[in-house]
Amino acid sequence: MEQAIYWLTGALGVPLINWLKQVWGLEDKAAMWLTLVVAAVLGTAALLMEHELAWDSFNPENLLAVVGQVLAAATLAYELLRGK
């Protein structure tokens, strides 16, 4: 159940990513990089909220796993909303 926050964070990140793409007029590779950056920021925020990320005991493997989950959830939500 503790993983649900990361999937929910990714799904809720889709409107944010779409809004940023529209504001900055990003497409293709730039939009992909934006998605990765937003997933990293949201994943880090989710880890901090869950108190699993402490600056004195930083674990890069955990951060990368959560960013991957957030990115996967955002991609899945985007594809479902797009109708594919």
PDB file of N, CA and C in Angstrom:
ATOM      1  N   MET A   1       0.812  -1.194   0.000  1.00  0.00           N
ATOM      2  CA  MET A   1       0.000   0.000   0.000  1.00  0.00           C
ATOM      3  C   MET A   1       0.861   1.267   0.000  1.00  0.00           C
ATOM      4  N   GLU A   2       2.079   1.140   0.547  1.00  0.00           N
ATOM      5  CA  GLU A   2       2.929   2.331   0.611  1.00  0.00           C
ATOM      6  C   GLU A   2       3.361   2.794  -0.774  1.00  0.00           C
ATOM      7  N   GLN A   3       3.319   1.928  -1.758  1.00  0.00           N
ATOM      8  CA  GLN A   3       3.687   2.299  -3.117  1.00  0.00           C
ATOM      9  C   GLN A   3       2.598   3.117  -3.808  1.00  0.00           C
ATOM     10  N   ALA A   4       1.397   3.108  -3.262  1.00  0.00           N
ATOM     11  CA  ALA A   4       0.272   3.796  -3.894  1.00  0.00           C
ATOM     12  C   ALA A   4       0.505   5.298  -4.011  1.00  0.00           C
ATOM     13  N   ILE A   5       1.202   5.887  -3.050  1.00  0.00           N
ATOM     14  CA  ILE A   5       1.451   7.328  -3.105  1.00  0.00           C
ATOM     15  C   ILE A   5       2.281   7.691  -4.337  1.00  0.00           C
ATOM     16  N   TYR A   6       3.200   6.814  -4.715  1.00  0.00           N
ATOM     17  CA  TYR A   6       4.054   7.098  -5.866  1.00  0.00           C
ATOM     18  C   TYR A   6       3.268   6.978  -7.169  1.00  0.00           C
ATOM     19  N   TRP A   7       2.392   5.986  -7.257  1.00  0.00           N
ATOM     20  CA  TRP A   7       1.558   5.838  -8.452  1.00  0.00           C
ATOM     21  C   TRP A   7       0.553   6.979  -8.552  1.00  0.00           C
ATOM     22  N   LEU A   8      -0.007   7.372  -7.423  1.00  0.00           N
ATOM     23  CA  LEU A   8      -0.953   8.485  -7.416  1.00  0.00           C
ATOM     24  C   LEU A   8      -0.251   9.790  -7.782  1.00  0.00           C
ATOM     25  N   THR A   9       0.956   9.979  -7.287  1.00  0.00           N
ATOM     26  CA  THR A   9       1.729  11.171  -7.616  1.00  0.00           C
ATOM     27  C   THR A   9       1.983  11.250  -9.113  1.00  0.00           C
ATOM     28  N   GLY A  10       2.324  10.124  -9.715  1.00  0.00           N
ATOM     29  CA  GLY A  10       2.552  10.108 -11.164  1.00  0.00           C
ATOM     30  C   GLY A  10       1.303  10.412 -11.955  1.00  0.00           C
ATOM     31  N   ALA A  11       0.194   9.836 -11.531  1.00  0.00           N
ATOM     32  CA  ALA A  11      -1.068  10.078 -12.242  1.00  0.00           C
ATOM     33  C   ALA A  11      -1.499  11.532 -12.118  1.00  0.00           C
ATOM     34  N   LEU A  12      -1.284  12.118 -10.954  1.00  0.00           N
ATOM     35  CA  LEU A  12      -1.656  13.516 -10.768  1.00  0.00           C
ATOM     36  C   LEU A  12      -0.658  14.473 -11.426  1.00  0.00           C
ATOM     37  N   GLY A  13       0.501  13.968 -11.771  1.00  0.00           N
ATOM     38  CA  GLY A  13       1.502  14.793 -12.447  1.00  0.00           C
ATOM     39  C   GLY A  13       1.191  15.050 -13.908  1.00  0.00           C
ATOM     40  N   VAL A  14       0.325  14.249 -14.502  1.00  0.00           N
ATOM     41  CA  VAL A  14      -0.002  14.403 -15.931  1.00  0.00           C
ATOM     42  C   VAL A  14      -0.581  15.782 -16.249  1.00  0.00           C
ATOM     43  N   PRO A  15      -1.566  16.275 -15.500  1.00  0.00           N
ATOM     44  CA  PRO A  15      -2.067  17.625 -15.814  1.00  0.00           C
ATOM     45  C   PRO A  15      -0.984  18.698 -15.677  1.00  0.00           C
ATOM     46  N   LEU A  16      -0.109  18.536 -14.703  1.00  0.00           N
ATOM     47  CA  LEU A  16       0.984  19.493 -14.527  1.00  0.00           C
ATOM     48  C   LEU A  16       1.925  19.471 -15.726  1.00  0.00           C
ATOM     49  N   ILE A  17       2.274  18.289 -16.173  1.00  0.00           N
ATOM     50  CA  ILE A  17       3.167  18.156 -17.328  1.00  0.00           C
ATOM     51  C   ILE A  17       2.512  18.735 -18.578  1.00  0.00           C
ATOM     52  N   ASN A  18       1.247  18.415 -18.797  1.00  0.00           N
ATOM     53  CA  ASN A  18       0.547  18.942 -19.968  1.00  0.00           C
ATOM     54  C   ASN A  18       0.469  20.467 -19.935  1.00  0.00           C
ATOM     55  N   TRP A  19       0.212  21.024 -18.757  1.00  0.00           N
ATOM     56  CA  TRP A  19       0.136  22.469 -18.620  1.00  0.00           C
ATOM     57  C   TRP A  19       1.488  23.108 -18.912  1.00  0.00           C
ATOM     58  N   LEU A  20       2.554  22.533 -18.363  1.00  0.00           N
ATOM     59  CA  LEU A  20       3.892  23.085 -18.614  1.00  0.00           C
ATOM     60  C   LEU A  20       4.274  22.986 -20.092  1.00  0.00           C
ATOM     61  N   LYS A  21       3.900  21.887 -20.731  1.00  0.00           N
ATOM     62  CA  LYS A  21       4.186  21.758 -22.168  1.00  0.00           C
ATOM     63  C   LYS A  21       3.468  22.833 -22.967  1.00  0.00           C
ATOM     64  N   GLN A  22       2.236  23.135 -22.609  1.00  0.00           N
ATOM     65  CA  GLN A  22       1.489  24.181 -23.309  1.00  0.00           C
ATOM     66  C   GLN A  22       2.077  25.556 -23.054  1.00  0.00           C
ATOM     67  N   VAL A  23       2.421  25.836 -21.806  1.00  0.00           N
ATOM     68  CA  VAL A  23       2.960  27.152 -21.450  1.00  0.00           C
ATOM     69  C   VAL A  23       4.279  27.413 -22.179  1.00  0.00           C
ATOM     70  N   TRP A  24       5.143  26.413 -22.193  1.00  0.00           N
ATOM     71  CA  TRP A  24       6.459  26.593 -22.804  1.00  0.00           C
ATOM     72  C   TRP A  24       6.510  26.147 -24.263  1.00  0.00           C
ATOM     73  N   GLY A  25       5.439  25.590 -24.793  1.00  0.00           N
ATOM     74  CA  GLY A  25       5.385  25.168 -26.184  1.00  0.00           C
ATOM     75  C   GLY A  25       6.371  24.064 -26.515  1.00  0.00           C
ATOM     76  N   LEU A  26       6.503  23.087 -25.628  1.00  0.00           N
ATOM     77  CA  LEU A  26       7.473  22.011 -25.821  1.00  0.00           C
ATOM     78  C   LEU A  26       6.857  20.843 -26.578  1.00  0.00           C
ATOM     79  N   GLU A  27       7.687  20.215 -27.404  1.00  0.00           N
ATOM     80  CA  GLU A  27       7.284  19.019 -28.148  1.00  0.00           C
ATOM     81  C   GLU A  27       8.455  18.055 -28.219  1.00  0.00           C
ATOM     82  N   ASP A  28       8.181  16.845 -28.621  1.00  0.00           N
ATOM     83  CA  ASP A  28       9.175  15.811 -28.901  1.00  0.00           C
ATOM     84  C   ASP A  28      10.149  15.601 -27.741  1.00  0.00           C
ATOM     85  N   LYS A  29      11.444  15.723 -28.011  1.00  0.00           N
ATOM     86  CA  LYS A  29      12.459  15.417 -27.001  1.00  0.00           C
ATOM     87  C   LYS A  29      12.400  16.367 -25.813  1.00  0.00           C
ATOM     88  N   ALA A  30      12.123  17.624 -26.066  1.00  0.00           N
ATOM     89  CA  ALA A  30      12.035  18.591 -24.966  1.00  0.00           C
ATOM     90  C   ALA A  30      10.890  18.225 -24.023  1.00  0.00           C
ATOM     91  N   ALA A  31       9.770  17.787 -24.572  1.00  0.00           N
ATOM     92  CA  ALA A  31       8.631  17.374 -23.752  1.00  0.00           C
ATOM     93  C   ALA A  31       8.971  16.115 -22.956  1.00  0.00           C
ATOM     94  N   MET A  32       9.743  15.215 -23.556  1.00  0.00           N
ATOM     95  CA  MET A  32      10.159  14.003 -22.855  1.00  0.00           C
ATOM     96  C   MET A  32      11.077  14.348 -21.678  1.00  0.00           C
ATOM     97  N   TRP A  33      12.012  15.271 -21.891  1.00  0.00           N
ATOM     98  CA  TRP A  33      12.899  15.692 -20.807  1.00  0.00           C
ATOM     99  C   TRP A  33      12.115  16.396 -19.702  1.00  0.00           C
ATOM    100  N   LEU A  34      11.131  17.193 -20.090  1.00  0.00           N
ATOM    101  CA  LEU A  34      10.286  17.855 -19.100  1.00  0.00           C
ATOM    102  C   LEU A  34       9.563  16.818 -18.248  1.00  0.00           C
ATOM    103  N   THR A  35       9.050  15.790 -18.880  1.00  0.00           N
ATOM    104  CA  THR A  35       8.352  14.722 -18.165  1.00  0.00           C
ATOM    105  C   THR A  35       9.288  14.045 -17.170  1.00  0.00           C
ATOM    106  N   LEU A  36      10.503  13.788 -17.580  1.00  0.00           N
ATOM    107  CA  LEU A  36      11.479  13.154 -16.691  1.00  0.00           C
ATOM    108  C   LEU A  36      11.824  14.056 -15.507  1.00  0.00           C
ATOM    109  N   VAL A  37      12.000  15.337 -15.766  1.00  0.00           N
ATOM    110  CA  VAL A  37      12.326  16.281 -14.682  1.00  0.00           C
ATOM    111  C   VAL A  37      11.164  16.400 -13.699  1.00  0.00           C
ATOM    112  N   VAL A  38       9.954  16.513 -14.221  1.00  0.00           N
ATOM    113  CA  VAL A  38       8.781  16.612 -13.341  1.00  0.00           C
ATOM    114  C   VAL A  38       8.625  15.327 -12.527  1.00  0.00           C
ATOM    115  N   ALA A  39       8.848  14.172 -13.149  1.00  0.00           N
ATOM    116  CA  ALA A  39       8.770  12.902 -12.423  1.00  0.00           C
ATOM    117  C   ALA A  39       9.819  12.844 -11.319  1.00  0.00           C
ATOM    118  N   ALA A  40      11.014  13.342 -11.590  1.00  0.00           N
ATOM    119  CA  ALA A  40      12.070  13.357 -10.568  1.00  0.00           C
ATOM    120  C   ALA A  40      11.698  14.276  -9.402  1.00  0.00           C
ATOM    121  N   VAL A  41      11.159  15.440  -9.716  1.00  0.00           N
ATOM    122  CA  VAL A  41      10.768  16.381  -8.661  1.00  0.00           C
ATOM    123  C   VAL A  41       9.609  15.815  -7.840  1.00  0.00           C
ATOM    124  N   LEU A  42       8.601  15.279  -8.521  1.00  0.00           N
ATOM    125  CA  LEU A  42       7.455  14.718  -7.805  1.00  0.00           C
ATOM    126  C   LEU A  42       7.850  13.483  -7.001  1.00  0.00           C
ATOM    127  N   GLY A  43       8.730  12.654  -7.560  1.00  0.00           N
ATOM    128  CA  GLY A  43       9.201  11.470  -6.834  1.00  0.00           C
ATOM    129  C   GLY A  43       9.972  11.850  -5.582  1.00  0.00           C
ATOM    130  N   THR A  44      10.824  12.854  -5.696  1.00  0.00           N
ATOM    131  CA  THR A  44      11.578  13.339  -4.539  1.00  0.00           C
ATOM    132  C   THR A  44      10.634  13.909  -3.487  1.00  0.00           C
ATOM    133  N   ALA A  45       9.653  14.670  -3.937  1.00  0.00           N
ATOM    134  CA  ALA A  45       8.673  15.235  -2.999  1.00  0.00           C
ATOM    135  C   ALA A  45       7.883  14.129  -2.304  1.00  0.00           C
ATOM    136  N   ALA A  46       7.505  13.099  -3.050  1.00  0.00           N
ATOM    137  CA  ALA A  46       6.759  11.985  -2.448  1.00  0.00           C
ATOM    138  C   ALA A  46       7.620  11.250  -1.425  1.00  0.00           C
ATOM    139  N   LEU A  47       8.893  11.057  -1.730  1.00  0.00           N
ATOM    140  CA  LEU A  47       9.785  10.415  -0.765  1.00  0.00           C
ATOM    141  C   LEU A  47       9.936  11.250   0.495  1.00  0.00           C
ATOM    142  N   LEU A  48      10.058  12.547   0.323  1.00  0.00           N
ATOM    143  CA  LEU A  48      10.177  13.422   1.491  1.00  0.00           C
ATOM    144  C   LEU A  48       8.902  13.404   2.324  1.00  0.00           C
ATOM    145  N   MET A  49       7.750  13.362   1.654  1.00  0.00           N
ATOM    146  CA  MET A  49       6.480  13.317   2.386  1.00  0.00           C
ATOM    147  C   MET A  49       6.327  12.012   3.156  1.00  0.00           C
ATOM    148  N   GLU A  50       6.832  10.939   2.600  1.00  0.00           N
ATOM    149  CA  GLU A  50       6.737   9.637   3.258  1.00  0.00           C
ATOM    150  C   GLU A  50       7.862   9.425   4.268  1.00  0.00           C
ATOM    151  N   HIS A  51       8.739  10.406   4.406  1.00  0.00           N
ATOM    152  CA  HIS A  51       9.874  10.355   5.334  1.00  0.00           C
ATOM    153  C   HIS A  51      10.802   9.183   5.024  1.00  0.00           C
ATOM    154  N   GLU A  52      10.878   8.805   3.748  1.00  0.00           N
ATOM    155  CA  GLU A  52      11.783   7.739   3.342  1.00  0.00           C
ATOM    156  C   GLU A  52      13.094   8.295   2.791  1.00  0.00           C
ATOM    157  N   LEU A  53      13.153   9.589   2.608  1.00  0.00           N
ATOM    158  CA  LEU A  53      14.360  10.211   2.091  1.00  0.00           C
ATOM    159  C   LEU A  53      14.862  11.193   3.130  1.00  0.00           C
ATOM    160  N   ALA A  54      15.998  10.899   3.673  1.00  0.00           N
ATOM    161  CA  ALA A  54      16.625  11.799   4.634  1.00  0.00           C
ATOM    162  C   ALA A  54      17.969  12.222   4.046  1.00  0.00           C
ATOM    163  N   TRP A  55      18.286  13.475   4.179  1.00  0.00           N
ATOM    164  CA  TRP A  55      19.500  13.987   3.549  1.00  0.00           C
ATOM    165  C   TRP A  55      20.757  13.356   4.149  1.00  0.00           C
ATOM    166  N   ASP A  56      20.693  12.886   5.390  1.00  0.00           N
ATOM    167  CA  ASP A  56      21.867  12.274   5.989  1.00  0.00           C
ATOM    168  C   ASP A  56      22.048  10.819   5.576  1.00  0.00           C
ATOM    169  N   SER A  57      21.000  10.171   5.084  1.00  0.00           N
ATOM    170  CA  SER A  57      21.094   8.776   4.630  1.00  0.00           C
ATOM    171  C   SER A  57      20.508   8.642   3.230  1.00  0.00           C
ATOM    172  N   PHE A  58      21.045   9.404   2.290  1.00  0.00           N
ATOM    173  CA  PHE A  58      20.540   9.438   0.919  1.00  0.00           C
ATOM    174  C   PHE A  58      20.802   8.102   0.233  1.00  0.00           C
ATOM    175  N   ASN A  59      19.771   7.527  -0.369  1.00  0.00           N
ATOM    176  CA  ASN A  59      19.874   6.249  -1.052  1.00  0.00           C
ATOM    177  C   ASN A  59      19.475   6.447  -2.514  1.00  0.00           C
ATOM    178  N   PRO A  60      20.455   6.524  -3.440  1.00  0.00           N
ATOM    179  CA  PRO A  60      20.123   6.789  -4.847  1.00  0.00           C
ATOM    180  C   PRO A  60      19.261   5.698  -5.484  1.00  0.00           C
ATOM    181  N   GLU A  61      19.432   4.455  -5.054  1.00  0.00           N
ATOM    182  CA  GLU A  61      18.638   3.363  -5.634  1.00  0.00           C
ATOM    183  C   GLU A  61      17.156   3.539  -5.333  1.00  0.00           C
ATOM    184  N   ASN A  62      16.849   3.940  -4.114  1.00  0.00           N
ATOM    185  CA  ASN A  62      15.459   4.165  -3.730  1.00  0.00           C
ATOM    186  C   ASN A  62      14.864   5.325  -4.519  1.00  0.00           C
ATOM    187  N   LEU A  63      15.636   6.401  -4.665  1.00  0.00           N
ATOM    188  CA  LEU A  63      15.162   7.563  -5.415  1.00  0.00           C
ATOM    189  C   LEU A  63      14.895   7.189  -6.871  1.00  0.00           C
ATOM    190  N   LEU A  64      15.804   6.448  -7.492  1.00  0.00           N
ATOM    191  CA  LEU A  64      15.603   6.052  -8.890  1.00  0.00           C
ATOM    192  C   LEU A  64      14.402   5.125  -9.052  1.00  0.00           C
ATOM    193  N   ALA A  65      14.187   4.239  -8.091  1.00  0.00           N
ATOM    194  CA  ALA A  65      13.029   3.346  -8.157  1.00  0.00           C
ATOM    195  C   ALA A  65      11.723   4.129  -8.077  1.00  0.00           C
ATOM    196  N   VAL A  66      11.671   5.104  -7.191  1.00  0.00           N
ATOM    197  CA  VAL A  66      10.452   5.902  -7.038  1.00  0.00           C
ATOM    198  C   VAL A  66      10.235   6.785  -8.263  1.00  0.00           C
ATOM    199  N   VAL A  67      11.300   7.400  -8.780  1.00  0.00           N
ATOM    200  CA  VAL A  67      11.162   8.214  -9.991  1.00  0.00           C
ATOM    201  C   VAL A  67      10.660   7.345 -11.139  1.00  0.00           C
ATOM    202  N   GLY A  68      11.142   6.115 -11.234  1.00  0.00           N
ATOM    203  CA  GLY A  68      10.642   5.188 -12.253  1.00  0.00           C
ATOM    204  C   GLY A  68       9.168   4.891 -12.094  1.00  0.00           C
ATOM    205  N   GLN A  69       8.720   4.701 -10.856  1.00  0.00           N
ATOM    206  CA  GLN A  69       7.303   4.444 -10.603  1.00  0.00           C
ATOM    207  C   GLN A  69       6.454   5.656 -10.961  1.00  0.00           C
ATOM    208  N   VAL A  70       6.908   6.834 -10.581  1.00  0.00           N
ATOM    209  CA  VAL A  70       6.161   8.048 -10.894  1.00  0.00           C
ATOM    210  C   VAL A  70       6.103   8.252 -12.402  1.00  0.00           C
ATOM    211  N   LEU A  71       7.215   8.040 -13.087  1.00  0.00           N
ATOM    212  CA  LEU A  71       7.256   8.180 -14.542  1.00  0.00           C
ATOM    213  C   LEU A  71       6.351   7.158 -15.224  1.00  0.00           C
ATOM    214  N   ALA A  72       6.369   5.922 -14.747  1.00  0.00           N
ATOM    215  CA  ALA A  72       5.497   4.886 -15.320  1.00  0.00           C
ATOM    216  C   ALA A  72       4.023   5.236 -15.111  1.00  0.00           C
ATOM    217  N   ALA A  73       3.686   5.704 -13.930  1.00  0.00           N
ATOM    218  CA  ALA A  73       2.293   6.078 -13.654  1.00  0.00           C
ATOM    219  C   ALA A  73       1.861   7.257 -14.507  1.00  0.00           C
ATOM    220  N   ALA A  74       2.745   8.229 -14.671  1.00  0.00           N
ATOM    221  CA  ALA A  74       2.407   9.388 -15.506  1.00  0.00           C
ATOM    222  C   ALA A  74       2.213   8.964 -16.956  1.00  0.00           C
ATOM    223  N   THR A  75       3.071   8.082 -17.440  1.00  0.00           N
ATOM    224  CA  THR A  75       2.951   7.596 -18.817  1.00  0.00           C
ATOM    225  C   THR A  75       1.663   6.811 -19.006  1.00  0.00           C
ATOM    226  N   LEU A  76       1.345   5.942 -18.060  1.00  0.00           N
ATOM    227  CA  LEU A  76       0.118   5.152 -18.142  1.00  0.00           C
ATOM    228  C   LEU A  76      -1.118   6.053 -18.115  1.00  0.00           C
ATOM    229  N   ALA A  77      -1.135   6.997 -17.194  1.00  0.00           N
ATOM    230  CA  ALA A  77      -2.277   7.915 -17.120  1.00  0.00           C
ATOM    231  C   ALA A  77      -2.413   8.736 -18.378  1.00  0.00           C
ATOM    232  N   TYR A  78      -1.302   9.187 -18.935  1.00  0.00           N
ATOM    233  CA  TYR A  78      -1.334   9.972 -20.166  1.00  0.00           C
ATOM    234  C   TYR A  78      -1.895   9.152 -21.326  1.00  0.00           C
ATOM    235  N   GLU A  79      -1.449   7.915 -21.450  1.00  0.00           N
ATOM    236  CA  GLU A  79      -1.936   7.059 -22.542  1.00  0.00           C
ATOM    237  C   GLU A  79      -3.420   6.740 -22.359  1.00  0.00           C
ATOM    238  N   LEU A  80      -3.854   6.538 -21.144  1.00  0.00           N
ATOM    239  CA  LEU A  80      -5.273   6.253 -20.902  1.00  0.00           C
ATOM    240  C   LEU A  80      -6.131   7.478 -21.217  1.00  0.00           C
ATOM    241  N   LEU A  81      -5.638   8.650 -20.859  1.00  0.00           N
ATOM    242  CA  LEU A  81      -6.387   9.871 -21.148  1.00  0.00           C
ATOM    243  C   LEU A  81      -6.408  10.187 -22.637  1.00  0.00           C
ATOM    244  N   ARG A  82      -5.338   9.810 -23.322  1.00  0.00           N
ATOM    245  CA  ARG A  82      -5.248  10.058 -24.762  1.00  0.00           C
ATOM    246  C   ARG A  82      -6.145   9.114 -25.548  1.00  0.00           C
ATOM    247  N   GLY A  83      -6.488   7.979 -24.948  1.00  0.00           N
ATOM    248  CA  GLY A  83      -7.399   7.053 -25.597  1.00  0.00           C
ATOM    249  C   GLY A  83      -6.727   5.955 -26.398  1.00  0.00           C
ATOM    250  N   LYS A  84      -5.467   5.679 -26.134  1.00  0.00           N
ATOM    251  CA  LYS A  84      -4.778   4.601 -26.860  1.00  0.00           C
ATOM    252  C   LYS A  84      -5.071   3.271 -26.229  1.00  0.00           C
TER     253      LYS A  84
END
